[in-house]
Protein backbone atom coordinates (compact mmCIF):
# COMPACT_ATOMS: atom_id res chain seq x y z
CA MET A 1 -0.74 5.52 9.00
CA CYS A 2 0.23 6.35 12.76
CA THR A 3 2.20 4.05 15.17
CA THR A 4 0.48 3.99 19.02
CA ASP A 5 3.37 5.85 19.87
CA GLY A 6 1.73 9.03 17.56
CA ASP A 7 4.85 8.51 14.81
CA HIS A 8 4.19 7.62 11.02
CA ALA A 9 4.47 4.12 10.09
CA PRO A 10 6.74 3.70 7.22
CA ALA A 11 5.21 3.21 3.80
CA GLN A 12 4.42 -0.81 3.09
CA TRP A 13 3.03 -3.20 0.22
CA ARG A 14 0.48 -5.11 1.30
CA GLY A 15 -2.02 -7.34 -0.15
CA LEU A 16 -5.49 -5.79 -0.94
CA GLY A 17 -7.35 -8.53 0.92
CA GLU A 18 -8.35 -12.25 0.48
CA ASP A 19 -7.98 -13.61 -2.97
CA SER A 20 -5.93 -10.07 -4.14
CA GLU A 21 -2.77 -12.46 -5.35
CA ILE A 22 -2.14 -13.82 -8.61
CA PRO A 23 0.22 -16.92 -9.07
CA PHE A 24 3.06 -16.26 -10.96
CA ASP A 25 5.09 -19.35 -12.00
CA ASP A 26 6.92 -19.95 -15.26
CA ALA A 27 7.27 -16.45 -16.14
CA THR A 28 3.32 -16.51 -16.65
CA LEU A 29 0.07 -14.60 -14.55
CA GLY A 30 -2.22 -17.20 -13.11
CA ASN A 31 0.48 -19.91 -13.38
CA GLY A 32 1.43 -21.97 -9.79
CA GLU A 33 0.44 -22.25 -6.05
CA SER A 34 -2.69 -20.37 -5.06
CA GLU A 35 -4.17 -20.47 -1.47
CA GLY A 36 -2.55 -23.81 -1.47
CA SER A 37 -2.54 -25.62 -4.46
CA GLU A 38 -1.23 -25.69 -7.74
CA GLN A 39 -3.36 -24.26 -10.71
CA ASN A 40 -2.34 -23.56 -14.66
CA VAL A 41 -3.41 -20.85 -16.25
CA GLU A 42 -6.77 -22.44 -17.40
CA ALA A 43 -7.63 -23.52 -13.75
CA PHE A 44 -7.19 -19.52 -12.60
CA ALA A 45 -9.21 -18.51 -14.86
CA ALA A 46 -11.85 -20.72 -14.53
CA ASP A 47 -11.95 -20.33 -10.98
CA ALA A 48 -12.74 -16.59 -11.38
CA GLY A 49 -16.47 -16.91 -11.67
CA PRO A 50 -18.10 -13.74 -13.35
CA VAL A 51 -16.26 -10.97 -11.77
CA GLN A 52 -13.12 -10.00 -13.89
CA GLY A 53 -10.47 -8.10 -11.85
CA VAL A 54 -6.91 -7.71 -12.74
CA GLU A 55 -6.00 -11.22 -12.34
CA GLU A 56 -8.61 -12.19 -14.57
CA ILE A 57 -7.84 -9.84 -17.42
CA LEU A 58 -3.87 -10.41 -17.14
CA ALA A 59 -3.79 -14.56 -16.73
CA GLY A 60 -1.67 -16.32 -19.06
CA GLN A 61 0.52 -13.24 -19.60
CA ASP A 62 3.54 -12.17 -18.53
CA ALA A 63 4.90 -9.61 -16.04
CA ASP A 64 5.43 -7.17 -18.96
CA ALA A 65 1.52 -6.98 -18.99
CA LEU A 66 1.12 -6.38 -15.51
CA VAL A 67 3.63 -3.47 -15.72
CA THR A 68 2.05 -1.78 -19.18
CA LEU A 69 -1.56 -2.06 -17.61
CA LEU A 70 -0.16 0.01 -13.99
CA GLU A 71 1.59 2.62 -16.32
CA SER A 72 -0.96 3.17 -18.66
CA THR A 73 -4.04 3.33 -15.99
CA PRO A 74 -4.84 6.98 -15.34
CA PRO A 75 -5.25 8.25 -11.60
CA ASP A 76 -8.61 8.41 -10.39
CA ALA A 77 -8.96 12.02 -9.14
CA ALA A 78 -11.84 11.19 -6.61
CA ALA A 79 -9.45 8.88 -4.88
CA GLN A 80 -6.83 10.94 -4.88
CA THR A 81 -9.30 13.69 -3.10
CA ASP A 82 -10.15 11.34 -0.56
CA ILE A 83 -6.69 10.27 -0.03
CA THR A 84 -5.59 14.01 0.74
CA ALA A 85 -8.60 14.50 2.96
CA GLN A 86 -8.17 11.26 5.06
CA THR A 87 -4.56 12.32 5.35
CA ALA A 88 -5.38 15.93 6.69
CA ALA A 89 -7.71 14.35 9.13
CA ASN A 90 -5.33 11.59 10.79
CA VAL A 91 -2.11 13.77 11.36
CA CYS A 92 0.12 12.13 13.37
């Protein structure tokens, strides 16, 4: 990503979009404040609907479960190819 001055912007963590965060209170994924209200794990999972993402799959588990999932997930070769092409096309 380039700044308006044409320099590279430093890498940073960003949300993936609306609803991409999961509450984490009392060392439990899905427990705590979410979008302005307190929720327990059961309420968080019930609000998920039919689409199951990482948040719903890991609800009720601890941070180690998230680390394990992230470390065991193989890279997406197509996404890596796309980002290489985008990077080459968008050199500052």
